[in-house]
Amino acid sequence: MENRKKHKHVDEEREHLVVSLRSDLYRAFRRCAWMLIHETGMTPHEAHDKIFEALLKKHEC
């Protein structure tokens, strides 16, 4: 979308992470990311970062 905001981490180098999940967890992750993207205007990378940051903070990693 053309009206997306430029966020601070957009140009950072990206790494790939391959995770094997149960199908219900995969669908929940995709649904959560989709909601963040459409409700906030985040990019998919930003939404994925936010989800993983919350998980890591919760487990004090």
N, C-alpha and C. Protein backbone atom coordinates (compact mmCIF):
# COMPACT_ATOMS: atom_id res chain seq x y z
N MET A 1 0.84 -1.18 0.00
CA MET A 1 0.00 0.00 0.00
C MET A 1 0.88 1.25 0.00
N GLU A 2 0.47 2.23 -0.69
CA GLU A 2 1.26 3.44 -0.82
C GLU A 2 1.24 4.30 0.42
N ASN A 3 0.20 4.22 1.23
CA ASN A 3 0.06 5.10 2.39
C ASN A 3 0.66 4.50 3.66
N ARG A 4 1.48 3.48 3.54
CA ARG A 4 2.11 2.88 4.72
C ARG A 4 3.14 3.83 5.30
N LYS A 5 3.23 3.82 6.63
CA LYS A 5 4.21 4.63 7.33
C LYS A 5 5.59 3.97 7.23
N LYS A 6 6.62 4.79 7.20
CA LYS A 6 8.00 4.28 7.23
C LYS A 6 8.36 4.04 8.69
N HIS A 7 8.64 2.80 9.05
CA HIS A 7 8.97 2.45 10.42
C HIS A 7 10.49 2.33 10.58
N LYS A 8 10.97 2.42 11.80
CA LYS A 8 12.40 2.54 12.07
C LYS A 8 13.23 1.32 11.70
N HIS A 9 12.66 0.12 11.64
CA HIS A 9 13.47 -1.08 11.40
C HIS A 9 13.34 -1.61 9.96
N VAL A 10 12.77 -0.82 9.08
CA VAL A 10 12.48 -1.29 7.73
C VAL A 10 13.74 -1.69 6.96
N ASP A 11 14.82 -0.94 7.11
CA ASP A 11 16.02 -1.19 6.32
C ASP A 11 17.03 -2.12 6.98
N GLU A 12 16.71 -2.67 8.14
CA GLU A 12 17.64 -3.56 8.81
C GLU A 12 17.78 -4.87 8.05
N GLU A 13 18.98 -5.47 8.17
CA GLU A 13 19.22 -6.76 7.55
C GLU A 13 18.29 -7.80 8.17
N ARG A 14 17.78 -8.70 7.36
CA ARG A 14 16.83 -9.70 7.82
C ARG A 14 17.51 -11.07 7.83
N GLU A 15 17.10 -11.93 8.75
CA GLU A 15 17.54 -13.32 8.82
C GLU A 15 16.30 -14.20 8.65
N HIS A 16 16.50 -15.38 8.12
CA HIS A 16 15.39 -16.33 7.96
C HIS A 16 15.40 -17.31 9.12
N LEU A 17 14.22 -17.63 9.61
CA LEU A 17 14.06 -18.59 10.68
C LEU A 17 13.04 -19.62 10.22
N VAL A 18 13.42 -20.87 10.24
CA VAL A 18 12.52 -21.95 9.84
C VAL A 18 12.05 -22.64 11.11
N VAL A 19 10.74 -22.69 11.30
CA VAL A 19 10.15 -23.27 12.50
C VAL A 19 9.10 -24.28 12.06
N SER A 20 9.10 -25.42 12.69
CA SER A 20 8.09 -26.43 12.41
C SER A 20 7.06 -26.38 13.54
N LEU A 21 5.82 -26.07 13.18
CA LEU A 21 4.74 -25.92 14.16
C LEU A 21 3.56 -26.80 13.82
N ARG A 22 2.75 -27.06 14.83
CA ARG A 22 1.45 -27.69 14.56
C ARG A 22 0.65 -26.74 13.68
N SER A 23 -0.24 -27.28 12.90
CA SER A 23 -1.00 -26.44 11.97
C SER A 23 -1.88 -25.40 12.69
N ASP A 24 -2.41 -25.72 13.87
CA ASP A 24 -3.23 -24.73 14.58
C ASP A 24 -2.39 -23.56 15.07
N LEU A 25 -1.14 -23.82 15.50
CA LEU A 25 -0.26 -22.74 15.93
C LEU A 25 0.16 -21.88 14.74
N TYR A 26 0.41 -22.51 13.61
CA TYR A 26 0.75 -21.77 12.39
C TYR A 26 -0.39 -20.83 12.00
N ARG A 27 -1.61 -21.35 12.02
CA ARG A 27 -2.77 -20.52 11.66
C ARG A 27 -2.95 -19.37 12.64
N ALA A 28 -2.72 -19.63 13.92
CA ALA A 28 -2.84 -18.58 14.94
C ALA A 28 -1.79 -17.50 14.72
N PHE A 29 -0.56 -17.89 14.39
CA PHE A 29 0.50 -16.92 14.11
C PHE A 29 0.13 -16.07 12.90
N ARG A 30 -0.31 -16.71 11.83
CA ARG A 30 -0.69 -15.98 10.61
C ARG A 30 -1.84 -15.03 10.88
N ARG A 31 -2.83 -15.48 11.66
CA ARG A 31 -3.99 -14.64 12.00
C ARG A 31 -3.54 -13.43 12.82
N CYS A 32 -2.67 -13.66 13.79
CA CYS A 32 -2.17 -12.58 14.63
C CYS A 32 -1.40 -11.56 13.78
N ALA A 33 -0.52 -12.05 12.92
CA ALA A 33 0.24 -11.16 12.04
C ALA A 33 -0.70 -10.38 11.12
N TRP A 34 -1.68 -11.05 10.55
CA TRP A 34 -2.63 -10.40 9.64
C TRP A 34 -3.37 -9.27 10.36
N MET A 35 -3.80 -9.53 11.60
CA MET A 35 -4.51 -8.49 12.35
C MET A 35 -3.60 -7.29 12.61
N LEU A 36 -2.35 -7.53 13.01
CA LEU A 36 -1.42 -6.42 13.24
C LEU A 36 -1.20 -5.61 11.97
N ILE A 37 -1.03 -6.29 10.86
CA ILE A 37 -0.78 -5.62 9.58
C ILE A 37 -1.98 -4.74 9.20
N HIS A 38 -3.16 -5.28 9.29
CA HIS A 38 -4.34 -4.55 8.83
C HIS A 38 -4.88 -3.54 9.83
N GLU A 39 -4.61 -3.72 11.10
CA GLU A 39 -5.10 -2.78 12.10
C GLU A 39 -4.12 -1.63 12.35
N THR A 40 -2.83 -1.86 12.10
CA THR A 40 -1.84 -0.84 12.44
C THR A 40 -1.12 -0.27 11.23
N GLY A 41 -1.20 -0.94 10.09
CA GLY A 41 -0.46 -0.48 8.91
C GLY A 41 0.98 -0.94 8.90
N MET A 42 1.34 -1.85 9.82
CA MET A 42 2.70 -2.40 9.83
C MET A 42 2.94 -3.21 8.57
N THR A 43 4.21 -3.37 8.24
CA THR A 43 4.57 -4.29 7.16
C THR A 43 4.56 -5.70 7.75
N PRO A 44 4.53 -6.74 6.90
CA PRO A 44 4.61 -8.09 7.44
C PRO A 44 5.87 -8.32 8.29
N HIS A 45 7.02 -7.79 7.86
CA HIS A 45 8.24 -7.96 8.65
C HIS A 45 8.10 -7.30 10.02
N GLU A 46 7.51 -6.13 10.08
CA GLU A 46 7.33 -5.45 11.36
C GLU A 46 6.39 -6.23 12.28
N ALA A 47 5.32 -6.78 11.71
CA ALA A 47 4.38 -7.56 12.51
C ALA A 47 5.06 -8.81 13.06
N HIS A 48 5.83 -9.50 12.23
CA HIS A 48 6.54 -10.71 12.68
C HIS A 48 7.53 -10.35 13.78
N ASP A 49 8.27 -9.24 13.60
CA ASP A 49 9.22 -8.81 14.63
C ASP A 49 8.51 -8.54 15.94
N LYS A 50 7.37 -7.86 15.88
CA LYS A 50 6.64 -7.51 17.10
C LYS A 50 6.17 -8.77 17.84
N ILE A 51 5.67 -9.75 17.10
CA ILE A 51 5.20 -11.00 17.71
C ILE A 51 6.36 -11.72 18.39
N PHE A 52 7.50 -11.83 17.71
CA PHE A 52 8.64 -12.53 18.28
C PHE A 52 9.26 -11.75 19.43
N GLU A 53 9.30 -10.42 19.34
CA GLU A 53 9.81 -9.60 20.45
C GLU A 53 8.96 -9.84 21.70
N ALA A 54 7.64 -9.87 21.54
CA ALA A 54 6.75 -10.09 22.69
C ALA A 54 7.00 -11.47 23.30
N LEU A 55 7.18 -12.48 22.46
CA LEU A 55 7.45 -13.84 22.94
C LEU A 55 8.77 -13.89 23.71
N LEU A 56 9.81 -13.27 23.16
CA LEU A 56 11.12 -13.29 23.81
C LEU A 56 11.11 -12.51 25.12
N LYS A 57 10.42 -11.38 25.15
CA LYS A 57 10.33 -10.59 26.39
C LYS A 57 9.56 -11.36 27.47
N LYS A 58 8.49 -12.03 27.05
CA LYS A 58 7.69 -12.79 28.00
C LYS A 58 8.52 -13.86 28.69
N HIS A 59 9.43 -14.47 27.96
CA HIS A 59 10.27 -15.54 28.49
C HIS A 59 11.63 -15.03 28.95
N GLU A 60 11.76 -13.71 29.05
CA GLU A 60 12.97 -13.03 29.52
C GLU A 60 14.22 -13.49 28.78
N CYS A 61 14.10 -13.58 27.47
CA CYS A 61 15.24 -13.98 26.62
C CYS A 61 15.98 -12.76 26.10
